[in-house]
Amino acid sequence: MESIITWIIVGGISGFLAERVIGGFHIGCIGTVIVGVIGAFIGGWLFNQLHITIGVTGLLNTIITSFVGAVVLLLGIRLLRGK
């Protein structure tokens, strides 16, 4: 149960930050969490493929990785939408 709550918190934080950085997205609270959670998968995969490691560990590492993935996700959505 704690891991689900952690996923929701991390997803919310990283999704919120990514929305602010990219701008133009107003997807609500649940959408923000979903973007953050999907971003965690994208960021983890991307960092693994590029052999990138972050100098921090724990929750901060997870938030940074999720944030980067969420930014990539929102940029991809923007590219597909043509805006």
C-alpha atoms as a PDB file:
ATOM      1  CA  MET A   1       0.000   0.000   0.000  1.00  0.00           C
ATOM      2  CA  GLU A   2       2.853   2.381   0.783  1.00  0.00           C
ATOM      3  CA  SER A   3       4.394   1.859  -2.641  1.00  0.00           C
ATOM      4  CA  ILE A   4       1.138   2.857  -4.348  1.00  0.00           C
ATOM      5  CA  ILE A   5       0.992   6.029  -2.293  1.00  0.00           C
ATOM      6  CA  THR A   6       4.638   6.728  -3.151  1.00  0.00           C
ATOM      7  CA  TRP A   7       3.895   6.271  -6.867  1.00  0.00           C
ATOM      8  CA  ILE A   8       0.983   8.710  -6.600  1.00  0.00           C
ATOM      9  CA  ILE A   9       3.050  11.306  -4.756  1.00  0.00           C
ATOM     10  CA  VAL A  10       6.047  11.001  -7.081  1.00  0.00           C
ATOM     11  CA  GLY A  11       3.767  11.033 -10.128  1.00  0.00           C
ATOM     12  CA  GLY A  12       1.972  14.111  -8.861  1.00  0.00           C
ATOM     13  CA  ILE A  13       5.157  16.029  -8.132  1.00  0.00           C
ATOM     14  CA  SER A  14       6.939  15.159 -11.360  1.00  0.00           C
ATOM     15  CA  GLY A  15       3.819  15.593 -13.490  1.00  0.00           C
ATOM     16  CA  PHE A  16       3.123  18.986 -11.922  1.00  0.00           C
ATOM     17  CA  LEU A  17       6.692  20.168 -12.498  1.00  0.00           C
ATOM     18  CA  ALA A  18       6.705  18.886 -16.084  1.00  0.00           C
ATOM     19  CA  GLU A  19       3.425  20.677 -16.828  1.00  0.00           C
ATOM     20  CA  ARG A  20       4.904  23.923 -15.499  1.00  0.00           C
ATOM     21  CA  VAL A  21       8.119  23.560 -17.495  1.00  0.00           C
ATOM     22  CA  ILE A  22       6.432  22.628 -20.781  1.00  0.00           C
ATOM     23  CA  GLY A  23       3.324  24.793 -20.369  1.00  0.00           C
ATOM     24  CA  GLY A  24       0.073  24.621 -22.303  1.00  0.00           C
ATOM     25  CA  PHE A  25      -1.204  21.468 -20.583  1.00  0.00           C
ATOM     26  CA  HIS A  26      -4.169  21.556 -18.209  1.00  0.00           C
ATOM     27  CA  ILE A  27      -5.030  17.921 -17.564  1.00  0.00           C
ATOM     28  CA  GLY A  28      -6.226  17.979 -13.964  1.00  0.00           C
ATOM     29  CA  CYS A  29      -4.970  16.196 -10.872  1.00  0.00           C
ATOM     30  CA  ILE A  30      -5.479  12.631 -12.062  1.00  0.00           C
ATOM     31  CA  GLY A  31      -3.976  13.414 -15.464  1.00  0.00           C
ATOM     32  CA  THR A  32      -0.973  14.998 -13.772  1.00  0.00           C
ATOM     33  CA  VAL A  33      -0.368  11.877 -11.683  1.00  0.00           C
ATOM     34  CA  ILE A  34      -0.759   9.655 -14.759  1.00  0.00           C
ATOM     35  CA  VAL A  35       1.746  11.775 -16.709  1.00  0.00           C
ATOM     36  CA  GLY A  36       4.189  11.511 -13.806  1.00  0.00           C
ATOM     37  CA  VAL A  37       3.813   7.733 -13.454  1.00  0.00           C
ATOM     38  CA  ILE A  38       4.207   7.147 -17.194  1.00  0.00           C
ATOM     39  CA  GLY A  39       7.119   9.584 -17.073  1.00  0.00           C
ATOM     40  CA  ALA A  40       8.797   7.396 -14.457  1.00  0.00           C
ATOM     41  CA  PHE A  41       8.769   4.469 -16.871  1.00  0.00           C
ATOM     42  CA  ILE A  42       9.981   6.602 -19.777  1.00  0.00           C
ATOM     43  CA  GLY A  43      12.689   8.275 -17.689  1.00  0.00           C
ATOM     44  CA  GLY A  44      13.899   4.978 -16.256  1.00  0.00           C
ATOM     45  CA  TRP A  45      14.084   3.410 -19.705  1.00  0.00           C
ATOM     46  CA  LEU A  46      15.755   6.478 -21.231  1.00  0.00           C
ATOM     47  CA  PHE A  47      18.377   6.779 -18.491  1.00  0.00           C
ATOM     48  CA  ASN A  48      19.099   3.059 -18.767  1.00  0.00           C
ATOM     49  CA  GLN A  49      19.513   3.220 -22.557  1.00  0.00           C
ATOM     50  CA  LEU A  50      21.814   6.257 -22.340  1.00  0.00           C
ATOM     51  CA  HIS A  51      23.720   4.855 -19.318  1.00  0.00           C
ATOM     52  CA  ILE A  52      22.919   7.965 -17.276  1.00  0.00           C
ATOM     53  CA  THR A  53      23.113   7.853 -13.516  1.00  0.00           C
ATOM     54  CA  ILE A  54      22.058  10.625 -11.188  1.00  0.00           C
ATOM     55  CA  GLY A  55      24.302  11.498  -8.272  1.00  0.00           C
ATOM     56  CA  VAL A  56      21.460  11.248  -5.775  1.00  0.00           C
ATOM     57  CA  THR A  57      19.607   8.221  -4.470  1.00  0.00           C
ATOM     58  CA  GLY A  58      16.223   7.394  -3.068  1.00  0.00           C
ATOM     59  CA  LEU A  59      13.088   9.409  -3.553  1.00  0.00           C
ATOM     60  CA  LEU A  60      14.869  12.416  -5.074  1.00  0.00           C
ATOM     61  CA  ASN A  61      16.378  10.172  -7.753  1.00  0.00           C
ATOM     62  CA  THR A  62      12.923   8.799  -8.520  1.00  0.00           C
ATOM     63  CA  ILE A  63      11.393  12.264  -8.766  1.00  0.00           C
ATOM     64  CA  ILE A  64      14.141  13.541 -11.083  1.00  0.00           C
ATOM     65  CA  THR A  65      13.908  10.474 -13.326  1.00  0.00           C
ATOM     66  CA  SER A  66      10.121  10.713 -13.429  1.00  0.00           C
ATOM     67  CA  PHE A  67      10.272  14.452 -14.143  1.00  0.00           C
ATOM     68  CA  VAL A  68      12.605  13.966 -17.113  1.00  0.00           C
ATOM     69  CA  GLY A  69      10.386  11.210 -18.484  1.00  0.00           C
ATOM     70  CA  ALA A  70       7.263  13.337 -18.004  1.00  0.00           C
ATOM     71  CA  VAL A  71       8.881  16.223 -19.892  1.00  0.00           C
ATOM     72  CA  VAL A  72       9.747  13.853 -22.749  1.00  0.00           C
ATOM     73  CA  LEU A  73       6.168  12.527 -22.713  1.00  0.00           C
ATOM     74  CA  LEU A  74       4.594  15.997 -22.821  1.00  0.00           C
ATOM     75  CA  LEU A  75       6.969  17.103 -25.593  1.00  0.00           C
ATOM     76  CA  GLY A  76       5.991  14.004 -27.571  1.00  0.00           C
ATOM     77  CA  ILE A  77       2.304  14.741 -27.063  1.00  0.00           C
ATOM     78  CA  ARG A  78       2.827  18.335 -28.151  1.00  0.00           C
ATOM     79  CA  LEU A  79       4.717  17.146 -31.236  1.00  0.00           C
ATOM     80  CA  LEU A  80       1.934  14.727 -32.169  1.00  0.00           C
ATOM     81  CA  ARG A  81      -0.745  17.377 -31.647  1.00  0.00           C
ATOM     82  CA  GLY A  82       1.155  19.816 -33.835  1.00  0.00           C
ATOM     83  CA  LYS A  83       1.188  22.690 -31.343  1.00  0.00           C
END
